Amino acid sequence: MNSGSAFRVKLYRMSNDSLRYGFFGIWLLLLAGNLFILFGTKHIKLKKALLPAMGVLAGIGILVFLALAGFSRWALYSAVPVAIVFISLNLRQFTICDQCGCLVRGEFFAAPTECPNCHANLGTH
């Protein structure tokens, strides 16, 4: 036994059925959370606080799914930068309007500058 083996982590691998049900269950929960953010509440501060958290959870969910699906560690290591780019682009491209609470999406990975609903100036990120 070498000294490096104490730090090895054995990844848990799920069966195909459990993985499939877990994957869809997690994405349904994320979908329900996003629908609540967009349509279920009128509190702008709550929307602005929850939207980035849901984006980060979606990126982490992809990494957890890859880990549970049995991908190699090198595949997971290479997926981390992709997930970081995915999260940062989503955080940059989507915002909540301060005036009306509408979800606003920028075009072509750009930050939105004006709300299409109330035409309020969103500024720059």
C-alpha atoms as a PDB file:
ATOM      1  CA  MET A   1       0.000   0.000   0.000  1.00  0.00           C
ATOM      2  CA  ASN A   2       1.568   3.279  -1.030  1.00  0.00           C
ATOM      3  CA  SER A   3       1.001   6.571   0.751  1.00  0.00           C
ATOM      4  CA  GLY A   4      -1.116   8.001  -2.077  1.00  0.00           C
ATOM      5  CA  SER A   5      -3.783   5.295  -1.820  1.00  0.00           C
ATOM      6  CA  ALA A   6      -5.222   6.802   1.360  1.00  0.00           C
ATOM      7  CA  PHE A   7      -6.496   9.771  -0.628  1.00  0.00           C
ATOM      8  CA  ARG A   8      -8.171   7.813  -3.395  1.00  0.00           C
ATOM      9  CA  VAL A   9     -11.906   8.140  -3.580  1.00  0.00           C
ATOM     10  CA  LYS A  10     -13.941   5.302  -4.976  1.00  0.00           C
ATOM     11  CA  LEU A  11     -16.781   6.716  -7.067  1.00  0.00           C
ATOM     12  CA  TYR A  12     -20.199   5.192  -6.554  1.00  0.00           C
ATOM     13  CA  ARG A  13     -21.761   3.878  -9.757  1.00  0.00           C
ATOM     14  CA  MET A  14     -25.506   3.480 -10.050  1.00  0.00           C
ATOM     15  CA  SER A  15     -27.419   0.931 -12.094  1.00  0.00           C
ATOM     16  CA  ASN A  16     -28.884   2.105 -15.393  1.00  0.00           C
ATOM     17  CA  ASP A  17     -32.475   2.207 -14.104  1.00  0.00           C
ATOM     18  CA  SER A  18     -31.555   4.071 -10.920  1.00  0.00           C
ATOM     19  CA  LEU A  19     -29.430   6.474 -12.904  1.00  0.00           C
ATOM     20  CA  ARG A  20     -32.205   7.112 -15.411  1.00  0.00           C
ATOM     21  CA  TYR A  21     -34.834   7.727 -12.717  1.00  0.00           C
ATOM     22  CA  GLY A  22     -32.469   9.854 -10.656  1.00  0.00           C
ATOM     23  CA  PHE A  23     -31.459  11.924 -13.659  1.00  0.00           C
ATOM     24  CA  PHE A  24     -35.044  12.688 -14.659  1.00  0.00           C
ATOM     25  CA  GLY A  25     -36.061  13.249 -11.050  1.00  0.00           C
ATOM     26  CA  ILE A  26     -33.316  15.813 -10.491  1.00  0.00           C
ATOM     27  CA  TRP A  27     -34.102  17.620 -13.741  1.00  0.00           C
ATOM     28  CA  LEU A  28     -37.824  17.671 -12.889  1.00  0.00           C
ATOM     29  CA  LEU A  29     -36.970  19.274  -9.536  1.00  0.00           C
ATOM     30  CA  LEU A  30     -34.796  21.856 -11.287  1.00  0.00           C
ATOM     31  CA  LEU A  31     -37.584  22.505 -13.783  1.00  0.00           C
ATOM     32  CA  ALA A  32     -40.109  22.975 -10.971  1.00  0.00           C
ATOM     33  CA  GLY A  33     -37.715  25.371  -9.235  1.00  0.00           C
ATOM     34  CA  ASN A  34     -37.167  27.365 -12.403  1.00  0.00           C
ATOM     35  CA  LEU A  35     -40.909  27.560 -13.087  1.00  0.00           C
ATOM     36  CA  PHE A  36     -41.430  28.785  -9.530  1.00  0.00           C
ATOM     37  CA  ILE A  37     -38.773  31.446 -10.043  1.00  0.00           C
ATOM     38  CA  LEU A  38     -40.223  32.607 -13.344  1.00  0.00           C
ATOM     39  CA  PHE A  39     -43.963  32.360 -12.777  1.00  0.00           C
ATOM     40  CA  GLY A  40     -44.706  31.461  -9.172  1.00  0.00           C
ATOM     41  CA  THR A  41     -43.417  34.519  -7.394  1.00  0.00           C
ATOM     42  CA  LYS A  42     -43.569  38.254  -7.948  1.00  0.00           C
ATOM     43  CA  HIS A  43     -40.792  39.029  -5.462  1.00  0.00           C
ATOM     44  CA  ILE A  44     -37.993  40.473  -7.565  1.00  0.00           C
ATOM     45  CA  LYS A  45     -35.325  40.119  -4.867  1.00  0.00           C
ATOM     46  CA  LEU A  46     -36.175  36.426  -4.439  1.00  0.00           C
ATOM     47  CA  LYS A  47     -36.008  35.875  -8.201  1.00  0.00           C
ATOM     48  CA  LYS A  48     -32.642  37.645  -8.404  1.00  0.00           C
ATOM     49  CA  ALA A  49     -31.300  35.503  -5.546  1.00  0.00           C
ATOM     50  CA  LEU A  50     -32.604  32.147  -6.800  1.00  0.00           C
ATOM     51  CA  LEU A  51     -31.809  32.447 -10.510  1.00  0.00           C
ATOM     52  CA  PRO A  52     -28.003  32.185 -10.117  1.00  0.00           C
ATOM     53  CA  ALA A  53     -28.398  29.379  -7.590  1.00  0.00           C
ATOM     54  CA  MET A  54     -30.476  27.366 -10.048  1.00  0.00           C
ATOM     55  CA  GLY A  55     -27.883  27.917 -12.787  1.00  0.00           C
ATOM     56  CA  VAL A  56     -25.107  26.687 -10.527  1.00  0.00           C
ATOM     57  CA  LEU A  57     -27.187  23.687  -9.443  1.00  0.00           C
ATOM     58  CA  ALA A  58     -27.777  22.759 -13.089  1.00  0.00           C
ATOM     59  CA  GLY A  59     -24.024  22.778 -13.780  1.00  0.00           C
ATOM     60  CA  ILE A  60     -23.283  20.753 -10.665  1.00  0.00           C
ATOM     61  CA  GLY A  61     -26.103  18.368 -11.598  1.00  0.00           C
ATOM     62  CA  ILE A  62     -24.426  17.635 -14.920  1.00  0.00           C
ATOM     63  CA  LEU A  63     -21.156  16.814 -13.158  1.00  0.00           C
ATOM     64  CA  VAL A  64     -22.893  14.572 -10.614  1.00  0.00           C
ATOM     65  CA  PHE A  65     -24.712  12.753 -13.402  1.00  0.00           C
ATOM     66  CA  LEU A  66     -21.422  12.136 -15.228  1.00  0.00           C
ATOM     67  CA  ALA A  67     -19.830  10.845 -12.024  1.00  0.00           C
ATOM     68  CA  LEU A  68     -22.721   8.489 -11.266  1.00  0.00           C
ATOM     69  CA  ALA A  69     -22.852   7.281 -14.870  1.00  0.00           C
ATOM     70  CA  GLY A  70     -19.390   5.820 -14.428  1.00  0.00           C
ATOM     71  CA  PHE A  71     -17.300   8.134 -16.577  1.00  0.00           C
ATOM     72  CA  SER A  72     -13.580   8.078 -15.882  1.00  0.00           C
ATOM     73  CA  ARG A  73     -11.993  10.640 -13.633  1.00  0.00           C
ATOM     74  CA  TRP A  74     -10.233  12.253 -16.583  1.00  0.00           C
ATOM     75  CA  ALA A  75     -13.596  12.720 -18.289  1.00  0.00           C
ATOM     76  CA  LEU A  76     -14.892  14.336 -15.104  1.00  0.00           C
ATOM     77  CA  TYR A  77     -11.808  16.548 -14.849  1.00  0.00           C
ATOM     78  CA  SER A  78     -12.315  17.688 -18.437  1.00  0.00           C
ATOM     79  CA  ALA A  79     -16.048  18.284 -17.826  1.00  0.00           C
ATOM     80  CA  VAL A  80     -15.394  20.704 -14.951  1.00  0.00           C
ATOM     81  CA  PRO A  81     -14.146  23.563 -17.188  1.00  0.00           C
ATOM     82  CA  VAL A  82     -17.064  22.951 -19.562  1.00  0.00           C
ATOM     83  CA  ALA A  83     -19.498  23.170 -16.637  1.00  0.00           C
ATOM     84  CA  ILE A  84     -17.816  26.367 -15.412  1.00  0.00           C
ATOM     85  CA  VAL A  85     -18.178  27.937 -18.869  1.00  0.00           C
ATOM     86  CA  PHE A  86     -21.810  26.756 -19.030  1.00  0.00           C
ATOM     87  CA  ILE A  87     -22.574  28.290 -15.631  1.00  0.00           C
ATOM     88  CA  SER A  88     -20.790  31.578 -16.338  1.00  0.00           C
ATOM     89  CA  LEU A  89     -22.487  32.025 -19.718  1.00  0.00           C
ATOM     90  CA  ASN A  90     -25.901  31.374 -18.169  1.00  0.00           C
ATOM     91  CA  LEU A  91     -25.210  33.814 -15.356  1.00  0.00           C
ATOM     92  CA  ARG A  92     -24.124  36.435 -17.873  1.00  0.00           C
ATOM     93  CA  GLN A  93     -26.877  35.896 -20.427  1.00  0.00           C
ATOM     94  CA  PHE A  94     -29.902  35.783 -18.099  1.00  0.00           C
ATOM     95  CA  THR A  95     -31.041  38.415 -15.627  1.00  0.00           C
ATOM     96  CA  ILE A  96     -34.170  39.575 -13.844  1.00  0.00           C
ATOM     97  CA  CYS A  97     -35.524  43.061 -14.606  1.00  0.00           C
ATOM     98  CA  ASP A  98     -35.481  45.314 -11.527  1.00  0.00           C
ATOM     99  CA  GLN A  99     -38.681  47.078 -12.599  1.00  0.00           C
ATOM    100  CA  CYS A 100     -41.101  44.329 -13.653  1.00  0.00           C
ATOM    101  CA  GLY A 101     -39.419  41.083 -12.515  1.00  0.00           C
ATOM    102  CA  CYS A 102     -39.315  39.630 -16.033  1.00  0.00           C
ATOM    103  CA  LEU A 103     -36.612  37.110 -16.975  1.00  0.00           C
ATOM    104  CA  VAL A 104     -34.514  38.751 -19.691  1.00  0.00           C
ATOM    105  CA  ARG A 105     -32.148  36.879 -21.986  1.00  0.00           C
ATOM    106  CA  GLY A 106     -29.343  38.520 -23.908  1.00  0.00           C
ATOM    107  CA  GLU A 107     -28.596  37.644 -27.504  1.00  0.00           C
ATOM    108  CA  PHE A 108     -25.619  35.554 -28.622  1.00  0.00           C
ATOM    109  CA  PHE A 109     -24.108  35.171 -25.132  1.00  0.00           C
ATOM    110  CA  ALA A 110     -24.231  38.913 -24.482  1.00  0.00           C
ATOM    111  CA  ALA A 111     -25.615  40.456 -21.330  1.00  0.00           C
ATOM    112  CA  PRO A 112     -29.080  41.966 -21.832  1.00  0.00           C
ATOM    113  CA  THR A 113     -29.246  45.755 -21.869  1.00  0.00           C
ATOM    114  CA  GLU A 114     -33.001  46.451 -22.021  1.00  0.00           C
ATOM    115  CA  CYS A 115     -36.097  44.677 -20.731  1.00  0.00           C
ATOM    116  CA  PRO A 116     -38.414  43.745 -23.624  1.00  0.00           C
ATOM    117  CA  ASN A 117     -41.418  43.861 -21.294  1.00  0.00           C
ATOM    118  CA  CYS A 118     -41.140  47.317 -19.678  1.00  0.00           C
ATOM    119  CA  HIS A 119     -38.173  48.748 -21.673  1.00  0.00           C
ATOM    120  CA  ALA A 120     -36.198  49.492 -18.514  1.00  0.00           C
ATOM    121  CA  ASN A 121     -32.444  49.954 -18.871  1.00  0.00           C
ATOM    122  CA  LEU A 122     -30.685  46.936 -17.354  1.00  0.00           C
ATOM    123  CA  GLY A 123     -27.199  48.406 -17.551  1.00  0.00           C
ATOM    124  CA  THR A 124     -24.196  46.179 -17.986  1.00  0.00           C
ATOM    125  CA  HIS A 125     -22.993  43.267 -15.896  1.00  0.00           C
END
